[in-house]
Amino acid sequence: MSTNNRFFDDMSKLMTNAMGVAQGARSEAENAMKSWVDRWLADRDFVTREEFEAVRDMAIKARTENAELKTRLDALEKKLNA
């Protein structure tokens, strides 16, 4: 009877160790994949959300200023022609 118990204890330890190795391999694979994706994205000319928002705000400001300047220029031309 003790032979069966020892066999099952050994199998249990073996399976526990195998699960630990599998978890470690999974973690390593995840880390490798994440770093590969990060490198791939860095090699592309993608912009970050912050950079996009900053440029968008600058464009909105420039359009607003252009509209204001056009209004002023139209008023000045109207005065000059009058």
PDB file of N, CA and C in Angstrom:
ATOM      1  N   MET A   1       0.805  -1.184   0.000  1.00  0.00           N
ATOM      2  CA  MET A   1       0.000   0.000   0.000  1.00  0.00           C
ATOM      3  C   MET A   1       0.860   1.265   0.000  1.00  0.00           C
ATOM      4  N   SER A   2       1.984   1.214   0.718  1.00  0.00           N
ATOM      5  CA  SER A   2       2.826   2.402   0.766  1.00  0.00           C
ATOM      6  C   SER A   2       3.484   2.657  -0.585  1.00  0.00           C
ATOM      7  N   THR A   3       3.638   1.640  -1.400  1.00  0.00           N
ATOM      8  CA  THR A   3       4.207   1.810  -2.730  1.00  0.00           C
ATOM      9  C   THR A   3       3.279   2.654  -3.588  1.00  0.00           C
ATOM     10  N   ASN A   4       1.981   2.413  -3.508  1.00  0.00           N
ATOM     11  CA  ASN A   4       1.003   3.201  -4.252  1.00  0.00           C
ATOM     12  C   ASN A   4       1.021   4.650  -3.806  1.00  0.00           C
ATOM     13  N   ASN A   5       1.083   4.853  -2.486  1.00  0.00           N
ATOM     14  CA  ASN A   5       1.097   6.224  -1.966  1.00  0.00           C
ATOM     15  C   ASN A   5       2.350   6.957  -2.434  1.00  0.00           C
ATOM     16  N   ARG A   6       3.479   6.298  -2.400  1.00  0.00           N
ATOM     17  CA  ARG A   6       4.728   6.916  -2.836  1.00  0.00           C
ATOM     18  C   ARG A   6       4.661   7.231  -4.332  1.00  0.00           C
ATOM     19  N   PHE A   7       4.112   6.316  -5.106  1.00  0.00           N
ATOM     20  CA  PHE A   7       3.961   6.551  -6.548  1.00  0.00           C
ATOM     21  C   PHE A   7       3.104   7.791  -6.804  1.00  0.00           C
ATOM     22  N   PHE A   8       1.959   7.881  -6.111  1.00  0.00           N
ATOM     23  CA  PHE A   8       1.077   9.033  -6.308  1.00  0.00           C
ATOM     24  C   PHE A   8       1.707  10.321  -5.796  1.00  0.00           C
ATOM     25  N   ASP A   9       2.456  10.243  -4.701  1.00  0.00           N
ATOM     26  CA  ASP A   9       3.169  11.420  -4.197  1.00  0.00           C
ATOM     27  C   ASP A   9       4.198  11.895  -5.224  1.00  0.00           C
ATOM     28  N   ASP A  10       4.932  10.957  -5.789  1.00  0.00           N
ATOM     29  CA  ASP A  10       5.924  11.311  -6.803  1.00  0.00           C
ATOM     30  C   ASP A  10       5.256  11.899  -8.043  1.00  0.00           C
ATOM     31  N   MET A  11       4.154  11.315  -8.466  1.00  0.00           N
ATOM     32  CA  MET A  11       3.420  11.842  -9.624  1.00  0.00           C
ATOM     33  C   MET A  11       2.890  13.246  -9.327  1.00  0.00           C
ATOM     34  N   SER A  12       2.400  13.434  -8.125  1.00  0.00           N
ATOM     35  CA  SER A  12       1.882  14.744  -7.731  1.00  0.00           C
ATOM     36  C   SER A  12       2.992  15.791  -7.771  1.00  0.00           C
ATOM     37  N   LYS A  13       4.158  15.453  -7.224  1.00  0.00           N
ATOM     38  CA  LYS A  13       5.290  16.382  -7.248  1.00  0.00           C
ATOM     39  C   LYS A  13       5.721  16.677  -8.685  1.00  0.00           C
ATOM     40  N   LEU A  14       5.749  15.632  -9.502  1.00  0.00           N
ATOM     41  CA  LEU A  14       6.135  15.798 -10.900  1.00  0.00           C
ATOM     42  C   LEU A  14       5.170  16.734 -11.618  1.00  0.00           C
ATOM     43  N   MET A  15       3.871  16.542 -11.409  1.00  0.00           N
ATOM     44  CA  MET A  15       2.862  17.402 -12.046  1.00  0.00           C
ATOM     45  C   MET A  15       2.947  18.837 -11.527  1.00  0.00           C
ATOM     46  N   THR A  16       3.182  18.995 -10.239  1.00  0.00           N
ATOM     47  CA  THR A  16       3.329  20.340  -9.667  1.00  0.00           C
ATOM     48  C   THR A  16       4.524  21.050 -10.282  1.00  0.00           C
ATOM     49  N   ASN A  17       5.637  20.349 -10.398  1.00  0.00           N
ATOM     50  CA  ASN A  17       6.827  20.935 -11.016  1.00  0.00           C
ATOM     51  C   ASN A  17       6.579  21.255 -12.485  1.00  0.00           C
ATOM     52  N   ALA A  18       5.877  20.373 -13.175  1.00  0.00           N
ATOM     53  CA  ALA A  18       5.580  20.603 -14.591  1.00  0.00           C
ATOM     54  C   ALA A  18       4.697  21.841 -14.753  1.00  0.00           C
ATOM     55  N   MET A  19       3.741  22.015 -13.859  1.00  0.00           N
ATOM     56  CA  MET A  19       2.876  23.196 -13.924  1.00  0.00           C
ATOM     57  C   MET A  19       3.688  24.471 -13.663  1.00  0.00           C
ATOM     58  N   GLY A  20       4.637  24.396 -12.747  1.00  0.00           N
ATOM     59  CA  GLY A  20       5.496  25.544 -12.488  1.00  0.00           C
ATOM     60  C   GLY A  20       6.316  25.915 -13.713  1.00  0.00           C
ATOM     61  N   VAL A  21       6.849  24.906 -14.375  1.00  0.00           N
ATOM     62  CA  VAL A  21       7.630  25.142 -15.594  1.00  0.00           C
ATOM     63  C   VAL A  21       6.735  25.718 -16.686  1.00  0.00           C
ATOM     64  N   ALA A  22       5.528  25.182 -16.802  1.00  0.00           N
ATOM     65  CA  ALA A  22       4.593  25.684 -17.822  1.00  0.00           C
ATOM     66  C   ALA A  22       4.214  27.132 -17.547  1.00  0.00           C
ATOM     67  N   GLN A  23       3.987  27.470 -16.296  1.00  0.00           N
ATOM     68  CA  GLN A  23       3.661  28.860 -15.939  1.00  0.00           C
ATOM     69  C   GLN A  23       4.833  29.779 -16.271  1.00  0.00           C
ATOM     70  N   GLY A  24       6.042  29.336 -15.971  1.00  0.00           N
ATOM     71  CA  GLY A  24       7.227  30.129 -16.293  1.00  0.00           C
ATOM     72  C   GLY A  24       7.381  30.328 -17.791  1.00  0.00           C
ATOM     73  N   ALA A  25       7.137  29.274 -18.557  1.00  0.00           N
ATOM     74  CA  ALA A  25       7.238  29.374 -20.012  1.00  0.00           C
ATOM     75  C   ALA A  25       6.166  30.312 -20.548  1.00  0.00           C
ATOM     76  N   ARG A  26       4.978  30.230 -19.987  1.00  0.00           N
ATOM     77  CA  ARG A  26       3.890  31.121 -20.411  1.00  0.00           C
ATOM     78  C   ARG A  26       4.255  32.580 -20.140  1.00  0.00           C
ATOM     79  N   SER A  27       4.786  32.828 -18.959  1.00  0.00           N
ATOM     80  CA  SER A  27       5.189  34.190 -18.597  1.00  0.00           C
ATOM     81  C   SER A  27       6.280  34.709 -19.530  1.00  0.00           C
ATOM     82  N   GLU A  28       7.255  33.873 -19.821  1.00  0.00           N
ATOM     83  CA  GLU A  28       8.332  34.255 -20.733  1.00  0.00           C
ATOM     84  C   GLU A  28       7.791  34.541 -22.130  1.00  0.00           C
ATOM     85  N   ALA A  29       6.870  33.701 -22.589  1.00  0.00           N
ATOM     86  CA  ALA A  29       6.293  33.902 -23.922  1.00  0.00           C
ATOM     87  C   ALA A  29       5.510  35.210 -23.978  1.00  0.00           C
ATOM     88  N   GLU A  30       4.751  35.494 -22.928  1.00  0.00           N
ATOM     89  CA  GLU A  30       4.000  36.761 -22.889  1.00  0.00           C
ATOM     90  C   GLU A  30       4.939  37.951 -22.928  1.00  0.00           C
ATOM     91  N   ASN A  31       5.986  37.913 -22.129  1.00  0.00           N
ATOM     92  CA  ASN A  31       6.943  39.015 -22.100  1.00  0.00           C
ATOM     93  C   ASN A  31       7.631  39.188 -23.450  1.00  0.00           C
ATOM     94  N   ALA A  32       8.003  38.088 -24.077  1.00  0.00           N
ATOM     95  CA  ALA A  32       8.657  38.166 -25.388  1.00  0.00           C
ATOM     96  C   ALA A  32       7.703  38.757 -26.422  1.00  0.00           C
ATOM     97  N   MET A  33       6.447  38.347 -26.396  1.00  0.00           N
ATOM     98  CA  MET A  33       5.470  38.851 -27.355  1.00  0.00           C
ATOM     99  C   MET A  33       5.216  40.336 -27.131  1.00  0.00           C
ATOM    100  N   LYS A  34       5.099  40.741 -25.871  1.00  0.00           N
ATOM    101  CA  LYS A  34       4.881  42.159 -25.577  1.00  0.00           C
ATOM    102  C   LYS A  34       6.048  43.006 -26.049  1.00  0.00           C
ATOM    103  N   SER A  35       7.255  42.541 -25.807  1.00  0.00           N
ATOM    104  CA  SER A  35       8.411  43.335 -26.237  1.00  0.00           C
ATOM    105  C   SER A  35       8.505  43.369 -27.755  1.00  0.00           C
ATOM    106  N   TRP A  36       8.154  42.260 -28.432  1.00  0.00           N
ATOM    107  CA  TRP A  36       8.154  42.248 -29.894  1.00  0.00           C
ATOM    108  C   TRP A  36       7.144  43.242 -30.439  1.00  0.00           C
ATOM    109  N   VAL A  37       5.940  43.272 -29.859  1.00  0.00           N
ATOM    110  CA  VAL A  37       4.904  44.206 -30.310  1.00  0.00           C
ATOM    111  C   VAL A  37       5.350  45.644 -30.047  1.00  0.00           C
ATOM    112  N   ASP A  38       5.930  45.895 -28.888  1.00  0.00           N
ATOM    113  CA  ASP A  38       6.419  47.247 -28.583  1.00  0.00           C
ATOM    114  C   ASP A  38       7.478  47.687 -29.586  1.00  0.00           C
ATOM    115  N   ARG A  39       8.414  46.794 -29.905  1.00  0.00           N
ATOM    116  CA  ARG A  39       9.458  47.132 -30.894  1.00  0.00           C
ATOM    117  C   ARG A  39       8.837  47.365 -32.263  1.00  0.00           C
ATOM    118  N   TRP A  40       7.884  46.523 -32.650  1.00  0.00           N
ATOM    119  CA  TRP A  40       7.231  46.662 -33.947  1.00  0.00           C
ATOM    120  C   TRP A  40       6.510  48.000 -34.035  1.00  0.00           C
ATOM    121  N   LEU A  41       5.793  48.370 -32.985  1.00  0.00           N
ATOM    122  CA  LEU A  41       5.082  49.650 -32.988  1.00  0.00           C
ATOM    123  C   LEU A  41       6.063  50.826 -32.990  1.00  0.00           C
ATOM    124  N   ALA A  42       7.170  50.688 -32.288  1.00  0.00           N
ATOM    125  CA  ALA A  42       8.159  51.761 -32.243  1.00  0.00           C
ATOM    126  C   ALA A  42       8.805  51.960 -33.613  1.00  0.00           C
ATOM    127  N   ASP A  43       8.945  50.895 -34.376  1.00  0.00           N
ATOM    128  CA  ASP A  43       9.547  51.001 -35.711  1.00  0.00           C
ATOM    129  C   ASP A  43       8.612  51.688 -36.702  1.00  0.00           C
ATOM    130  N   ARG A  44       7.335  51.690 -36.423  1.00  0.00           N
ATOM    131  CA  ARG A  44       6.365  52.352 -37.292  1.00  0.00           C
ATOM    132  C   ARG A  44       6.281  53.825 -36.898  1.00  0.00           C
ATOM    133  N   ASP A  45       5.745  54.626 -37.773  1.00  0.00           N
ATOM    134  CA  ASP A  45       5.639  56.052 -37.479  1.00  0.00           C
ATOM    135  C   ASP A  45       4.278  56.401 -36.878  1.00  0.00           C
ATOM    136  N   PHE A  46       3.845  55.597 -35.928  1.00  0.00           N
ATOM    137  CA  PHE A  46       2.596  55.884 -35.255  1.00  0.00           C
ATOM    138  C   PHE A  46       2.821  57.000 -34.243  1.00  0.00           C
ATOM    139  N   VAL A  47       1.819  57.820 -34.040  1.00  0.00           N
ATOM    140  CA  VAL A  47       1.915  58.876 -33.035  1.00  0.00           C
ATOM    141  C   VAL A  47       1.145  58.447 -31.802  1.00  0.00           C
ATOM    142  N   THR A  48       1.549  59.002 -30.684  1.00  0.00           N
ATOM    143  CA  THR A  48       0.828  58.705 -29.454  1.00  0.00           C
ATOM    144  C   THR A  48      -0.440  59.547 -29.396  1.00  0.00           C
ATOM    145  N   ARG A  49      -1.322  59.187 -28.536  1.00  0.00           N
ATOM    146  CA  ARG A  49      -2.571  59.921 -28.368  1.00  0.00           C
ATOM    147  C   ARG A  49      -2.269  61.365 -27.945  1.00  0.00           C
ATOM    148  N   GLU A  50      -1.277  61.538 -27.076  1.00  0.00           N
ATOM    149  CA  GLU A  50      -0.930  62.878 -26.598  1.00  0.00           C
ATOM    150  C   GLU A  50      -0.415  63.750 -27.745  1.00  0.00           C
ATOM    151  N   GLU A  51       0.437  63.165 -28.599  1.00  0.00           N
ATOM    152  CA  GLU A  51       0.948  63.927 -29.740  1.00  0.00           C
ATOM    153  C   GLU A  51      -0.187  64.304 -30.692  1.00  0.00           C
ATOM    154  N   PHE A  52      -1.087  63.370 -30.937  1.00  0.00           N
ATOM    155  CA  PHE A  52      -2.215  63.640 -31.819  1.00  0.00           C
ATOM    156  C   PHE A  52      -3.078  64.766 -31.267  1.00  0.00           C
ATOM    157  N   GLU A  53      -3.382  64.714 -29.975  1.00  0.00           N
ATOM    158  CA  GLU A  53      -4.214  65.747 -29.346  1.00  0.00           C
ATOM    159  C   GLU A  53      -3.534  67.115 -29.413  1.00  0.00           C
ATOM    160  N   ALA A  54      -2.222  67.146 -29.193  1.00  0.00           N
ATOM    161  CA  ALA A  54      -1.492  68.412 -29.230  1.00  0.00           C
ATOM    162  C   ALA A  54      -1.544  69.024 -30.629  1.00  0.00           C
ATOM    163  N   VAL A  55      -1.317  68.228 -31.659  1.00  0.00           N
ATOM    164  CA  VAL A  55      -1.346  68.739 -33.030  1.00  0.00           C
ATOM    165  C   VAL A  55      -2.764  69.154 -33.409  1.00  0.00           C
ATOM    166  N   ARG A  56      -3.760  68.387 -32.964  1.00  0.00           N
ATOM    167  CA  ARG A  56      -5.152  68.734 -33.251  1.00  0.00           C
ATOM    168  C   ARG A  56      -5.508  70.078 -32.618  1.00  0.00           C
ATOM    169  N   ASP A  57      -5.087  70.291 -31.373  1.00  0.00           N
ATOM    170  CA  ASP A  57      -5.345  71.570 -30.706  1.00  0.00           C
ATOM    171  C   ASP A  57      -4.661  72.726 -31.429  1.00  0.00           C
ATOM    172  N   MET A  58      -3.427  72.477 -31.898  1.00  0.00           N
ATOM    173  CA  MET A  58      -2.719  73.523 -32.640  1.00  0.00           C
ATOM    174  C   MET A  58      -3.453  73.848 -33.942  1.00  0.00           C
ATOM    175  N   ALA A  59      -3.968  72.839 -34.627  1.00  0.00           N
ATOM    176  CA  ALA A  59      -4.698  73.067 -35.880  1.00  0.00           C
ATOM    177  C   ALA A  59      -5.981  73.845 -35.629  1.00  0.00           C
ATOM    178  N   ILE A  60      -6.691  73.501 -34.565  1.00  0.00           N
ATOM    179  CA  ILE A  60      -7.924  74.232 -34.225  1.00  0.00           C
ATOM    180  C   ILE A  60      -7.609  75.691 -33.930  1.00  0.00           C
ATOM    181  N   LYS A  61      -6.539  75.917 -33.169  1.00  0.00           N
ATOM    182  CA  LYS A  61      -6.141  77.292 -32.839  1.00  0.00           C
ATOM    183  C   LYS A  61      -5.760  78.055 -34.109  1.00  0.00           C
ATOM    184  N   ALA A  62      -5.014  77.415 -35.007  1.00  0.00           N
ATOM    185  CA  ALA A  62      -4.592  78.080 -36.244  1.00  0.00           C
ATOM    186  C   ALA A  62      -5.800  78.414 -37.113  1.00  0.00           C
ATOM    187  N   ARG A  63      -6.757  77.512 -37.214  1.00  0.00           N
ATOM    188  CA  ARG A  63      -7.961  77.792 -38.001  1.00  0.00           C
ATOM    189  C   ARG A  63      -8.753  78.947 -37.415  1.00  0.00           C
ATOM    190  N   THR A  64      -8.856  78.978 -36.102  1.00  0.00           N
ATOM    191  CA  THR A  64      -9.576  80.074 -35.444  1.00  0.00           C
ATOM    192  C   THR A  64      -8.886  81.406 -35.708  1.00  0.00           C
ATOM    193  N   GLU A  65      -7.561  81.422 -35.557  1.00  0.00           N
ATOM    194  CA  GLU A  65      -6.805  82.644 -35.818  1.00  0.00           C
ATOM    195  C   GLU A  65      -6.940  83.067 -37.276  1.00  0.00           C
ATOM    196  N   ASN A  66      -6.899  82.109 -38.196  1.00  0.00           N
ATOM    197  CA  ASN A  66      -7.056  82.441 -39.624  1.00  0.00           C
ATOM    198  C   ASN A  66      -8.427  83.041 -39.903  1.00  0.00           C
ATOM    199  N   ALA A  67      -9.444  82.490 -39.290  1.00  0.00           N
ATOM    200  CA  ALA A  67     -10.794  83.022 -39.489  1.00  0.00           C
ATOM    201  C   ALA A  67     -10.894  84.449 -38.947  1.00  0.00           C
ATOM    202  N   GLU A  68     -10.304  84.689 -37.781  1.00  0.00           N
ATOM    203  CA  GLU A  68     -10.320  86.036 -37.208  1.00  0.00           C
ATOM    204  C   GLU A  68      -9.556  87.019 -38.095  1.00  0.00           C
ATOM    205  N   LEU A  69      -8.376  86.592 -38.566  1.00  0.00           N
ATOM    206  CA  LEU A  69      -7.575  87.462 -39.434  1.00  0.00           C
ATOM    207  C   LEU A  69      -8.290  87.744 -40.755  1.00  0.00           C
ATOM    208  N   LYS A  70      -8.980  86.740 -41.299  1.00  0.00           N
ATOM    209  CA  LYS A  70      -9.729  86.947 -42.545  1.00  0.00           C
ATOM    210  C   LYS A  70     -10.836  87.962 -42.333  1.00  0.00           C
ATOM    211  N   THR A  71     -11.511  87.874 -41.204  1.00  0.00           N
ATOM    212  CA  THR A  71     -12.569  88.834 -40.900  1.00  0.00           C
ATOM    213  C   THR A  71     -11.988  90.243 -40.805  1.00  0.00           C
ATOM    214  N   ARG A  72     -10.857  90.375 -40.105  1.00  0.00           N
ATOM    215  CA  ARG A  72     -10.220  91.698 -39.990  1.00  0.00           C
ATOM    216  C   ARG A  72      -9.757  92.216 -41.353  1.00  0.00           C
ATOM    217  N   LEU A  73      -9.169  91.326 -42.160  1.00  0.00           N
ATOM    218  CA  LEU A  73      -8.686  91.722 -43.479  1.00  0.00           C
ATOM    219  C   LEU A  73      -9.851  92.151 -44.373  1.00  0.00           C
ATOM    220  N   ASP A  74     -10.944  91.420 -44.335  1.00  0.00           N
ATOM    221  CA  ASP A  74     -12.126  91.796 -45.117  1.00  0.00           C
ATOM    222  C   ASP A  74     -12.648  93.164 -44.690  1.00  0.00           C
ATOM    223  N   ALA A  75     -12.645  93.430 -43.388  1.00  0.00           N
ATOM    224  CA  ALA A  75     -13.112  94.730 -42.888  1.00  0.00           C
ATOM    225  C   ALA A  75     -12.185  95.849 -43.353  1.00  0.00           C
ATOM    226  N   LEU A  76     -10.870  95.602 -43.300  1.00  0.00           N
ATOM    227  CA  LEU A  76      -9.917  96.621 -43.748  1.00  0.00           C
ATOM    228  C   LEU A  76     -10.046  96.872 -45.250  1.00  0.00           C
ATOM    229  N   GLU A  77     -10.204  95.817 -46.042  1.00  0.00           N
ATOM    230  CA  GLU A  77     -10.370  95.989 -47.488  1.00  0.00           C
ATOM    231  C   GLU A  77     -11.666  96.741 -47.797  1.00  0.00           C
ATOM    232  N   LYS A  78     -12.683  96.482 -47.039  1.00  0.00           N
ATOM    233  CA  LYS A  78     -13.949  97.164 -47.242  1.00  0.00           C
ATOM    234  C   LYS A  78     -13.801  98.661 -46.946  1.00  0.00           C
ATOM    235  N   LYS A  79     -13.057  98.992 -45.877  1.00  0.00           N
ATOM    236  CA  LYS A  79     -12.809 100.404 -45.538  1.00  0.00           C
ATOM    237  C   LYS A  79     -11.973 101.053 -46.630  1.00  0.00           C
ATOM    238  N   LEU A  80     -10.951 100.329 -47.097  1.00  0.00           N
ATOM    239  CA  LEU A  80     -10.067 100.887 -48.108  1.00  0.00           C
ATOM    240  C   LEU A  80     -10.801 101.146 -49.414  1.00  0.00           C
ATOM    241  N   ASN A  81     -11.683 100.272 -49.794  1.00  0.00           N
ATOM    242  CA  ASN A  81     -12.428 100.413 -51.030  1.00  0.00           C
ATOM    243  C   ASN A  81     -13.572 101.429 -50.927  1.00  0.00           C
ATOM    244  N   ALA A  82     -13.964 101.737 -49.702  1.00  0.00           N
ATOM    245  CA  ALA A  82     -15.089 102.666 -49.533  1.00  0.00           C
ATOM    246  C   ALA A  82     -14.706 104.102 -49.683  1.00  0.00           C
TER     247      ALA A  82
END
